[in-house]
Protein backbone atom coordinates (compact mmCIF):
# COMPACT_ATOMS: atom_id res chain seq x y z
CA MET A 1 173.15 184.51 40.82
CA THR A 2 174.17 187.89 42.35
CA GLY A 3 177.65 188.65 43.65
CA ARG A 4 176.35 188.81 47.23
CA ALA A 5 174.66 185.42 46.89
CA ARG A 6 177.83 183.90 45.42
CA LYS A 7 179.91 185.19 48.33
CA LEU A 8 177.42 183.80 50.84
CA GLY A 9 177.61 180.41 49.17
CA ILE A 10 181.40 180.42 49.32
CA VAL A 11 181.39 181.34 53.03
CA VAL A 12 178.86 178.61 53.87
CA GLY A 13 180.78 175.98 51.94
CA ALA A 14 184.10 176.96 53.51
CA ALA A 15 182.66 176.86 57.03
CA PHE A 16 181.27 173.39 56.39
CA VAL A 17 184.53 172.00 55.00
CA LEU A 18 186.71 173.51 57.74
CA ALA A 19 184.51 172.39 60.64
CA ARG A 20 186.55 170.35 63.12
CA PRO A 21 185.83 166.64 62.68
CA ALA A 22 185.10 164.49 65.70
CA VAL A 23 186.89 161.37 66.79
CA GLU A 24 184.84 158.35 65.69
CA LEU A 25 183.20 156.59 68.64
CA ALA A 26 182.37 152.96 69.12
CA ARG A 27 178.60 152.63 68.68
CA ALA A 28 177.97 148.95 69.35
CA GLU A 29 175.57 149.84 72.18
CA ASP A 30 173.98 152.76 70.31
CA ALA A 31 170.42 152.60 68.93
CA CYS A 32 171.80 154.24 65.79
CA ALA A 33 174.12 151.32 65.18
CA GLN A 34 171.19 149.31 63.76
CA ALA A 35 171.17 149.82 60.02
CA PRO A 36 169.65 150.43 57.64
CA SER A 37 166.82 152.52 59.16
CA ALA A 38 166.89 156.29 58.69
CA VAL A 39 164.40 159.02 57.76
CA LEU A 40 164.65 159.85 54.05
CA PRO A 41 163.91 163.46 53.00
CA GLY A 42 160.97 163.43 50.60
CA GLY A 43 157.88 165.58 50.04
CA THR A 44 157.62 168.56 47.72
CA THR A 45 159.36 171.28 49.73
CA PRO A 46 162.64 172.79 48.47
CA VAL A 47 165.76 170.70 49.24
CA ASP A 48 165.16 169.08 52.64
CA PHE A 49 163.58 172.14 54.27
CA GLY A 50 160.61 171.11 56.42
CA ALA A 51 161.47 167.39 56.21
CA VAL A 52 162.14 165.81 59.62
CA ALA A 53 165.87 165.21 59.95
CA ASP A 54 167.47 161.84 60.71
CA PRO A 55 168.09 161.60 64.48
CA CYS A 56 171.33 159.65 63.92
CA GLY A 57 174.41 161.63 63.02
CA ALA A 58 177.14 160.59 60.61
CA SER A 59 179.62 161.91 58.09
CA ASP A 60 178.23 160.97 54.70
CA LEU A 61 177.24 162.08 51.20
CA THR A 62 173.78 161.60 49.65
CA LEU A 63 172.32 162.16 46.18
CA ARG A 64 168.54 162.28 45.74
CA ALA A 65 166.71 162.25 42.40
CA ARG A 66 163.06 163.23 42.96
CA GLY A 67 160.04 163.51 40.69
CA ALA A 68 156.67 165.07 41.62
CA PHE A 69 153.65 164.63 39.35
CA LEU A 70 150.27 166.40 39.27
CA ILE A 71 147.70 165.49 36.63
CA ALA A 72 144.26 167.15 36.57
CA PRO A 73 142.92 166.70 33.00
CA ASP A 74 139.23 167.28 33.72
CA MET A 75 137.09 170.39 34.11
CA PRO A 76 137.66 172.92 35.53
CA ASP A 77 141.39 172.28 35.80
CA TYR A 78 143.03 171.16 32.57
CA TYR A 79 146.25 171.38 34.53
CA GLY A 80 149.34 169.27 34.98
CA SER A 81 152.91 169.60 36.21
CA ILE A 82 156.09 167.57 36.36
CA ILE A 83 158.88 168.67 38.69
CA GLY A 84 162.19 166.85 38.81
CA ASP A 85 165.22 167.73 40.89
CA ALA A 86 168.60 166.43 41.99
CA MET A 87 169.63 167.17 45.58
CA LEU A 88 173.11 166.81 47.04
CA ARG A 89 173.54 166.51 50.81
CA ALA A 90 176.71 166.32 52.87
CA ARG A 91 176.80 165.67 56.62
CA ARG A 92 179.89 166.09 58.76
CA ARG A 93 180.24 165.08 62.39
CA ILE A 94 182.02 167.84 64.35
CA THR A 95 181.82 166.48 67.92
CA ALA A 96 180.82 163.21 69.52
CA ARG A 97 177.22 164.44 69.81
CA SER A 98 176.79 167.00 67.01
CA TRP A 99 177.04 167.29 63.25
CA LEU A 100 176.43 169.72 60.39
CA SER A 101 174.39 169.21 57.23
CA LEU A 102 174.64 171.10 53.95
CA SER A 103 172.09 170.35 51.22
CA LEU A 104 171.58 171.82 47.77
CA ASP A 105 169.07 171.42 44.96
CA ALA A 106 171.75 171.26 42.26
CA VAL A 107 169.17 171.38 39.46
CA THR A 108 165.38 171.58 39.34
CA TYR A 109 163.35 171.19 36.14
CA ARG A 110 159.72 172.29 36.01
CA TYR A 111 157.14 171.59 33.31
CA VAL A 112 153.68 173.10 33.76
CA ASN A 113 150.72 172.84 31.36
CA ASN A 114 147.75 175.05 32.26
CA GLY A 115 144.87 174.70 29.82
CA GLY A 116 147.23 174.03 26.93
CA LEU A 117 149.65 176.84 27.83
CA ALA A 118 152.93 175.14 28.65
CA SER A 119 156.01 176.50 30.37
CA ARG A 120 159.27 174.84 31.31
CA GLY A 121 162.60 175.76 32.80
CA ALA A 122 165.53 174.72 34.96
CA SER A 123 166.97 176.38 38.05
CA PHE A 124 169.79 176.10 40.60
CA GLY A 125 169.27 176.15 44.37
CA PRO A 126 168.29 176.73 47.06
CA PRO A 127 170.60 175.28 49.75
CA THR A 128 170.03 174.58 53.43
CA LEU A 129 172.52 174.57 56.29
CA GLY A 130 171.74 172.69 59.50
CA TYR A 131 173.17 172.04 62.96
CA HIS A 132 172.15 168.80 64.69
CA ARG A 133 172.81 167.57 68.21
CA THR A 134 172.08 164.32 70.03
CA LEU A 135 169.93 165.07 73.09
CA TYR A 136 169.64 161.53 74.42
CA GLY A 137 170.98 158.16 73.41
CA ASP A 138 171.19 154.62 74.74
CA ASP A 139 171.07 151.11 73.33
CA ARG A 140 167.32 151.38 72.57
CA ARG A 141 166.62 155.03 71.79
CA SER A 142 168.24 158.04 70.14
CA VAL A 143 166.80 161.58 70.20
CA ALA A 144 168.31 164.54 68.36
CA GLY A 145 167.32 168.17 67.88
CA TYR A 146 168.26 170.40 64.98
CA ALA A 147 168.16 173.91 63.57
CA ARG A 148 168.18 174.35 59.80
CA ALA A 149 168.27 177.49 57.65
CA LEU A 150 166.92 177.85 54.11
CA LEU A 151 169.37 180.16 52.33
CA PRO A 152 168.24 182.71 49.69
CA LEU A 153 170.16 181.26 46.72
CA ASP A 154 167.61 180.22 44.07
CA THR A 155 167.82 181.18 40.40
CA ALA A 156 164.12 180.30 39.90
CA ARG A 157 163.20 183.48 41.80
CA ALA A 158 163.84 186.47 39.56
CA ASN A 159 161.83 189.10 41.49
CA GLY A 160 162.24 188.06 45.10
CA VAL A 161 163.93 185.73 47.55
CA GLU A 162 162.84 183.03 49.94
CA MET A 163 164.63 182.18 53.15
CA GLY A 164 163.60 180.44 56.32
CA LEU A 165 164.41 178.83 59.65
CA GLU A 166 163.38 175.41 60.90
CA LEU A 167 163.59 173.83 64.35
CA GLY A 168 162.81 170.20 64.98
CA ALA A 169 163.61 166.92 66.67
CA GLY A 170 163.75 163.30 65.60
CA ILE A 171 163.70 159.97 67.42
CA ARG A 172 164.67 156.37 66.67
CA GLN A 173 163.18 153.78 69.02
CA LEU A 174 164.16 150.13 68.68
CA LEU A 175 161.19 147.80 69.20
CA GLY A 176 163.07 144.54 68.91
CA ARG A 177 165.79 142.88 66.90
CA SER A 178 164.10 143.64 63.57
CA LEU A 179 161.71 146.57 64.21
CA ALA A 180 162.33 150.27 64.75
CA LEU A 181 160.06 153.30 65.03
CA VAL A 182 161.54 156.43 63.44
CA GLY A 183 160.02 159.91 63.19
CA GLY A 184 159.88 163.40 64.58
CA LEU A 185 158.47 166.92 64.50
CA SER A 186 159.51 170.03 62.60
CA GLY A 187 158.53 173.67 62.75
CA ALA A 188 159.45 175.61 59.61
CA VAL A 189 159.12 179.38 59.12
CA PRO A 190 159.63 180.27 55.43
CA LEU A 191 159.86 183.96 54.59
CA ASP A 192 159.22 185.32 51.07
CA ILE A 193 160.44 188.83 50.27
CA VAL A 194 158.99 190.38 47.09
CA ALA A 195 159.12 194.07 46.16
CA GLY A 196 160.32 194.97 49.64
CA GLN A 197 157.43 193.20 51.37
CA ALA A 198 157.96 190.17 53.61
CA HIS A 199 155.41 187.36 53.84
CA GLY A 200 156.06 184.63 56.39
CA ARG A 201 154.18 181.64 57.72
CA PHE A 202 154.59 179.03 60.45
CA GLU A 203 154.38 175.52 59.01
CA PRO A 204 154.80 172.61 61.45
CA GLY A 205 155.04 169.03 60.28
CA ALA A 206 155.41 165.48 61.55
CA ALA A 207 156.69 162.16 60.26
CA VAL A 208 156.49 158.58 61.55
CA GLU A 209 157.80 155.35 60.01
CA LEU A 210 157.88 151.72 61.08
CA TRP A 211 161.03 149.96 59.87
CA PHE A 212 161.54 146.24 59.41
CA VAL A 213 165.24 145.43 59.24
CA ALA A 214 165.37 142.24 57.22
CA GLY A 215 169.13 141.91 57.65
CA PRO A 216 172.33 143.93 57.77
CA ARG A 217 171.80 145.08 54.17
CA LEU A 218 168.04 145.60 53.80
CA GLY A 219 165.46 147.76 55.55
CA LEU A 220 161.79 148.11 54.60
CA PHE A 221 159.52 150.85 55.93
CA ALA A 222 156.03 152.33 55.77
CA GLY A 223 154.60 155.41 57.42
CA GLY A 224 153.43 158.91 56.69
CA THR A 225 154.03 162.63 56.94
CA THR A 226 151.78 165.63 57.41
CA ARG A 227 152.14 169.42 57.23
CA PHE A 228 149.97 172.34 58.37
CA VAL A 229 150.11 176.12 58.15
CA VAL A 230 149.23 177.53 61.58
CA ALA A 231 149.75 181.23 60.89
CA PRO A 232 148.87 183.66 59.44
CA GLU A 233 145.92 181.58 58.13
CA PRO A 234 145.39 177.99 59.32
CA THR A 235 145.59 175.59 56.38
CA PHE A 236 145.87 171.83 56.10
CA VAL A 237 148.69 171.40 53.58
CA THR A 238 149.03 167.65 53.07
CA ALA A 239 148.82 164.12 54.46
CA VAL A 240 151.14 161.66 52.74
CA PRO A 241 151.41 157.89 53.18
CA ARG A 242 154.91 156.72 52.23
CA ALA A 243 156.80 153.47 51.82
CA GLY A 244 160.16 152.35 50.58
CA ALA A 245 163.32 150.37 51.08
CA ARG A 246 166.98 151.03 51.84
CA PHE A 247 169.83 148.77 50.73
CA ALA A 248 173.36 148.62 52.09
CA LEU A 249 175.79 148.03 49.23
CA ARG A 250 179.48 147.22 49.11
CA GLN A 251 182.31 149.57 50.04
CA ARG A 252 180.14 151.73 52.36
CA PHE A 253 177.68 152.68 49.61
CA TRP A 254 173.92 152.48 50.01
CA ALA A 255 170.79 153.03 47.91
CA ALA A 256 167.12 153.65 48.67
CA VAL A 257 163.75 154.15 47.04
CA LEU A 258 160.85 156.20 48.44
CA VAL A 259 157.28 156.45 47.10
CA GLU A 260 154.79 159.00 48.49
CA LEU A 261 151.09 159.33 47.63
CA PRO A 262 149.48 162.55 48.94
CA VAL A 263 145.85 161.86 49.85
CA ALA A 264 144.51 165.08 51.40
CA GLY A 265 145.19 168.77 51.84
CA ARG A 266 145.89 171.86 49.77
CA ASP A 267 148.86 170.25 48.00
CA ARG A 268 147.31 168.42 45.05
CA THR A 269 150.41 166.49 43.98
CA ASP A 270 149.44 162.98 42.89
CA LEU A 271 152.75 161.15 43.28
CA VAL A 272 156.27 161.80 44.56
CA ALA A 273 158.99 159.25 43.80
CA SER A 274 162.61 159.51 44.96
CA LEU A 275 165.76 157.50 44.38
CA PHE A 276 168.74 157.84 46.72
CA ALA A 277 172.40 156.91 46.55
CA GLY A 278 174.81 157.50 49.40
CA TYR A 279 178.31 156.96 50.69
CA ALA A 280 179.44 156.84 54.33
CA PRO A 281 183.26 157.01 54.60
């Protein structure tokens, strides 16, 4: 990691820690008070970049362990890959209606076998920094918008950098005592800079999930996500059915499992599985 990148990381971390916390509000009449039902960041993009953000704000810590598997053993491919990473995410409420998020791929391990030629390696980064704000909220619905930046701190990139900006919005709509519809839209613009040349693209995405809240400690969900490249060349990236469960544990801890099965698009990943552990002080 370069000296400039290290300084940027220190500045970002300091700004996040020193952000003024908000006074906790009573949320008994808030749609976000129903738990557990929240969008979990999955997919194959770095960190949580491009994944629709949770429309409900909180101060919390989350650890995600994710594995992505691609197996193509037949002609003409003879190709396979295993990618595993551990992501850390911290969210901090700064006002009654807004919060910050800071996420980091603490370690990513890649194994690729192409026709018998294997390569492997581990890397650190990248991080994202986001600002989120509640746009509308009542006892049945919560809507929030966000802006998130992908920061150019990634040791896997030796000859270039990748950065980006994402704008999006999420919604949680209660459908009854036990059902909730959660989802949203995102518009990500990643920018790769290699040898002094910049290559960007506009990549919108969407997510929708139906949650069944079986009780105060268990939520089950099923839904899907999709991503497209609109410019510079239109491309259908992926369509991904997903399902999982979230469990509220003791002492403000929670855990979750997410399974995703890409079925169409340019992304040929066969399976993405993620385990989550979190703490909400």
